Protein backbone atom coordinates (compact mmCIF):
# COMPACT_ATOMS: atom_id res chain seq x y z
CA MET A 1 180.98 62.44 161.46
CA ALA A 2 181.39 60.36 158.30
CA VAL A 3 178.41 60.18 155.95
CA SER A 4 177.82 57.12 153.79
CA LYS A 5 177.53 57.48 150.02
CA ALA A 6 173.89 56.36 150.16
CA VAL A 7 172.98 59.00 152.75
CA TYR A 8 174.95 61.65 150.85
CA LYS A 9 173.11 60.89 147.60
CA THR A 10 169.75 61.01 149.38
CA VAL A 11 170.53 64.35 151.01
CA PHE A 12 171.88 65.72 147.73
CA ARG A 13 168.67 64.76 145.90
CA MET A 14 166.52 66.35 148.60
CA ARG A 15 168.56 69.54 148.41
CA ALA A 16 168.43 69.52 144.61
CA LYS A 17 164.65 69.88 144.61
CA SER A 18 164.78 73.19 146.45
CA ARG A 19 168.10 74.75 145.46
CA GLU A 20 168.31 77.83 143.26
CA PRO A 21 169.89 77.30 139.79
CA ALA A 22 173.07 79.20 140.72
CA ASN A 23 173.59 76.97 143.76
CA LEU A 24 172.86 73.86 141.72
CA ALA A 25 175.53 74.93 139.24
CA GLU A 26 177.98 75.30 142.13
CA ASP A 27 177.05 71.82 143.40
CA ALA A 28 177.55 70.36 139.93
CA TYR A 29 180.88 72.15 139.53
CA GLU A 30 182.23 70.88 142.85
CA ALA A 31 180.99 67.31 142.35
CA ILE A 32 182.44 66.96 138.84
CA LYS A 33 185.70 68.62 139.91
CA ARG A 34 186.07 66.13 142.78
CA ALA A 35 185.41 63.23 140.42
CA ILE A 36 188.12 64.50 138.06
CA ALA A 37 190.57 65.05 140.92
CA SER A 38 190.00 61.52 142.25
CA PHE A 39 190.32 59.99 138.74
CA GLU A 40 186.75 58.70 138.83
CA PHE A 41 186.67 60.54 135.49
CA GLN A 42 190.05 59.89 133.90
CA PRO A 43 191.88 62.06 131.34
CA GLY A 44 190.24 61.69 127.95
CA ALA A 45 186.87 60.52 129.33
CA THR A 46 183.82 62.01 127.59
CA LEU A 47 181.26 63.82 129.75
CA SER A 48 177.86 64.88 128.42
CA GLU A 49 175.24 67.14 129.94
CA ASN A 50 172.68 64.32 129.90
CA ARG A 51 175.00 61.85 131.61
CA MET A 52 176.09 64.30 134.28
CA GLY A 53 172.52 65.50 134.82
CA ALA A 54 171.43 61.92 135.50
CA TRP A 55 174.48 61.30 137.71
CA LEU A 56 173.75 64.41 139.81
CA ASN A 57 169.94 64.16 139.60
CA MET A 58 169.54 67.65 138.18
CA SER A 59 168.67 69.33 134.89
CA ARG A 60 171.14 70.10 132.12
CA THR A 61 171.19 73.85 132.83
CA PRO A 62 173.36 73.81 136.00
CA VAL A 63 175.53 71.07 134.46
CA ARG A 64 176.10 73.27 131.41
CA GLU A 65 177.26 76.14 133.63
CA ALA A 66 179.52 73.77 135.58
CA PHE A 67 181.05 72.59 132.29
CA ARG A 68 181.79 76.20 131.32
CA ARG A 69 183.60 76.83 134.60
CA LEU A 70 185.55 73.58 134.46
CA SER A 71 186.57 74.42 130.91
CA ARG A 72 187.87 77.83 132.05
CA ASP A 73 189.77 76.05 134.84
CA GLY A 74 191.47 73.85 132.25
CA LEU A 75 189.93 70.63 133.60
CA LEU A 76 187.57 70.03 130.64
CA GLN A 77 187.94 70.53 126.90
CA ARG A 78 184.96 70.99 124.57
CA GLN A 79 184.62 68.42 121.80
CA VAL A 80 184.46 69.84 118.30
CA GLY A 81 180.95 69.93 116.84
CA GLY A 82 179.01 68.96 119.94
CA GLY A 83 177.97 69.78 123.48
CA SER A 84 180.11 67.12 125.11
CA PHE A 85 183.41 67.67 126.90
CA THR A 86 186.42 65.50 127.61
CA VAL A 87 188.49 65.47 130.78
CA ALA A 88 191.62 67.43 129.87
CA ARG A 89 194.90 65.70 129.27
CA MET A 90 198.02 67.60 130.31
CA THR A 91 201.44 67.44 128.74
CA ARG A 92 204.58 67.29 130.82
CA ARG A 93 205.41 70.81 129.70
CA GLU A 94 201.98 72.12 130.72
CA ILE A 95 202.39 70.61 134.17
CA GLY A 96 205.85 72.18 134.48
CA ASP A 97 204.59 75.58 133.32
CA THR A 98 201.69 75.38 135.78
CA LEU A 99 204.03 74.62 138.68
CA ASP A 100 206.32 77.51 137.67
CA LEU A 101 203.45 79.97 137.83
CA LEU A 102 201.97 78.40 140.98
CA GLU A 103 205.30 78.88 142.74
CA LEU A 104 205.38 82.59 141.90
CA VAL A 105 201.76 83.21 142.88
CA ASP A 106 201.97 81.21 146.11
CA ILE A 107 205.12 83.05 147.20
CA TYR A 108 203.40 86.39 146.60
CA ILE A 109 200.34 85.27 148.58
CA ALA A 110 202.40 83.75 151.40
CA ARG A 111 204.50 86.90 151.81
CA ASN A 112 201.33 88.99 152.09
CA ALA A 113 199.78 86.47 154.48
CA THR A 114 202.91 86.52 156.64
CA ARG A 115 202.73 90.30 156.85
CA ASN A 116 199.00 90.18 157.70
CA MET A 117 199.27 87.30 160.18
CA SER A 118 197.69 87.90 163.60
CA ARG A 119 198.37 85.77 166.66
CA GLU A 120 194.88 84.29 166.43
CA ASN A 121 195.23 83.40 162.76
CA GLY A 122 198.70 82.02 163.43
CA LYS A 123 197.28 79.61 166.01
CA LEU A 124 194.56 78.62 163.56
CA LEU A 125 197.04 77.97 160.75
CA LEU A 126 199.32 75.90 163.01
CA GLY A 127 196.32 73.90 164.21
CA ILE A 128 195.31 73.10 160.65
CA ALA A 129 198.91 72.12 159.84
CA ARG A 130 198.97 69.73 162.80
CA ASN A 131 195.64 68.23 161.72
CA LEU A 132 197.08 67.80 158.23
CA ARG A 133 200.06 65.88 159.60
CA SER A 134 197.81 63.76 161.82
CA ALA A 135 195.59 62.82 158.87
CA ALA A 136 198.67 61.83 156.86
CA GLU A 137 200.03 59.68 159.69
CA GLN A 138 196.65 57.93 159.94
CA HIS A 139 196.50 57.48 156.14
CA ASP A 140 193.14 59.27 156.14
CA VAL A 141 193.18 60.65 152.60
CA ALA A 142 189.74 62.28 152.76
CA ALA A 143 190.60 64.14 155.98
CA TRP A 144 194.00 65.09 154.55
CA LYS A 145 192.38 66.64 151.48
CA ASP A 146 189.94 68.60 153.66
CA GLU A 147 192.71 69.93 155.91
CA ASP A 148 194.91 70.75 152.91
CA ARG A 149 192.08 72.81 151.43
CA GLU A 150 191.56 74.62 154.76
CA TYR A 151 195.30 75.29 155.02
CA HIS A 152 195.53 76.90 151.60
CA ASP A 153 192.19 78.73 151.88
CA LEU A 154 193.32 80.46 155.08
CA GLN A 155 196.54 81.60 153.41
CA LEU A 156 194.62 82.84 150.37
CA CYS A 157 192.31 84.81 152.65
CA LEU A 158 195.21 86.35 154.58
CA GLY A 159 196.97 87.16 151.31
CA GLY A 160 194.39 89.87 150.69
CA ASN A 161 194.38 89.68 146.88
CA LEU A 162 191.28 88.10 145.35
CA VAL A 163 192.74 87.85 141.84
CA ALA A 164 195.87 86.12 143.12
CA ALA A 165 193.74 83.80 145.26
CA GLU A 166 191.58 82.77 142.31
CA THR A 167 194.66 82.27 140.13
CA SER A 168 196.27 80.06 142.77
CA ARG A 169 193.12 77.95 143.11
CA ASN A 170 192.84 77.45 139.36
CA LEU A 171 196.50 76.53 138.96
CA ARG A 172 196.34 74.10 141.88
CA GLN A 173 193.24 72.43 140.45
CA ARG A 174 195.01 71.81 137.15
CA VAL A 175 197.71 69.62 138.68
CA GLN A 176 196.33 68.58 142.06
CA ARG A 177 194.62 65.48 140.66
CA PHE A 178 198.07 64.16 139.74
CA TRP A 179 200.04 64.93 142.88
CA VAL A 180 197.36 63.97 145.46
CA ASN A 181 197.07 60.49 143.97
CA TYR A 182 200.85 60.14 143.80
CA GLU A 183 201.33 61.31 147.40
CA GLN A 184 198.67 58.87 148.55
CA ARG A 185 200.31 55.89 146.85
CA THR A 186 203.91 56.68 147.81
CA GLY A 187 203.45 57.83 151.39
CA ARG A 188 204.73 61.33 150.54
CA MET A 189 201.68 62.79 152.27
CA ILE A 190 203.59 62.76 155.58
CA GLN A 191 206.58 64.59 154.10
CA CYS A 192 204.29 67.07 152.34
CA SER A 193 202.45 67.71 155.63
CA HIS A 194 205.75 68.30 157.41
CA GLU A 195 206.67 70.87 154.75
CA HIS A 196 203.31 72.60 155.22
CA GLU A 197 203.91 72.75 158.97
CA GLN A 198 207.37 74.27 158.47
CA ILE A 199 205.89 76.95 156.22
CA ALA A 200 203.15 77.68 158.76
CA ARG A 201 205.68 78.09 161.59
CA ALA A 202 207.80 80.47 159.53
CA MET A 203 204.71 82.50 158.65
CA THR A 204 203.64 82.83 162.28
CA ARG A 205 207.14 84.05 163.17
CA GLY A 206 207.01 86.69 160.43
CA GLU A 207 209.95 85.17 158.52
CA ALA A 208 208.91 86.08 154.97
CA ASP A 209 212.26 85.19 153.37
CA ARG A 210 212.23 81.80 155.09
CA VAL A 211 208.65 81.25 153.91
CA GLU A 212 209.70 81.91 150.31
CA GLN A 213 212.64 79.52 150.62
CA LEU A 214 210.42 76.77 152.03
CA ILE A 215 207.79 77.20 149.31
CA ARG A 216 210.43 77.00 146.58
CA SER A 217 211.80 73.80 148.14
CA HIS A 218 208.28 72.38 148.47
CA ILE A 219 207.46 73.03 144.79
CA THR A 220 210.84 71.60 143.74
CA ARG A 221 210.19 68.35 145.61
CA LEU A 222 206.68 68.27 144.20
CA ARG A 223 208.05 68.68 140.68
CA GLU A 224 210.58 65.89 141.22
CA SER A 225 207.89 63.57 142.58
CA LEU A 226 205.58 64.29 139.66
CA ASN A 227 208.35 63.61 137.14
CA VAL A 228 208.90 60.18 138.71
CA MET A 229 205.18 59.50 138.55
CA LEU A 230 204.87 60.71 134.96
CA ASP A 231 207.68 58.45 133.81
CA ALA A 232 205.74 55.44 135.07
CA ALA A 233 202.16 56.49 134.44
CA GLU A 234 201.98 58.52 131.22
CA PRO A 235 199.95 55.90 129.30
CA LEU A 236 197.41 55.59 132.13
CA LEU A 237 197.01 59.29 132.87
CA GLY A 238 197.00 60.52 129.29
CA ILE A 239 200.05 62.73 129.66
CA GLY A 240 202.54 63.38 126.91
CA ASP A 241 205.80 65.26 126.58
CA GLY A 242 204.05 68.10 124.78
CA ALA A 243 205.61 70.90 122.86
């Protein structure tokens, strides 16, 4: 069931009064990360603890911890001589390097997940992939993002390597804000969902080599799409060629 922004803010404020600091920091981290991914906070925007505390209706302490985590993820950069941060800009080279590493890590995880795949988990993965395609066909971006997260989280779990899973999440977060917005605007969400479904089917059949081939093709198409987007949107998104 969809929840309106007004209801969500009310519930969030009620929860904030009783949550432990560690959980508040997690809430702050997720909320700010979503705002960065959706370009509510654009590259180069300045974020302060006071501003974010007021925005989230919480103290500066959990916001400070969220800033530390987002900085480690590469989504925020600390300003020199102060406690404020800016939303990180990424160069074209940094995006390319991130995709190179993401491809290697995701192939490793997917091969392990294919080997560990049970019939029950296979049905679950295929169901998520179908939901992903359905959300894309209905142009339901919010549902698509939720299903995409479920799809990758299940693979990370089946991959059985916590360090690799955390690395994959961090790498994906660095560039996801660019490709999700591009896919939404260009209609590539349907093609991307079809690619996810192909990978899921190969995984459930135990075809590890086919899975690797499909992931490489998926990342290649993603890279090509991002290059087209970057050519047109570098001034808006704060992306340069980089060195």
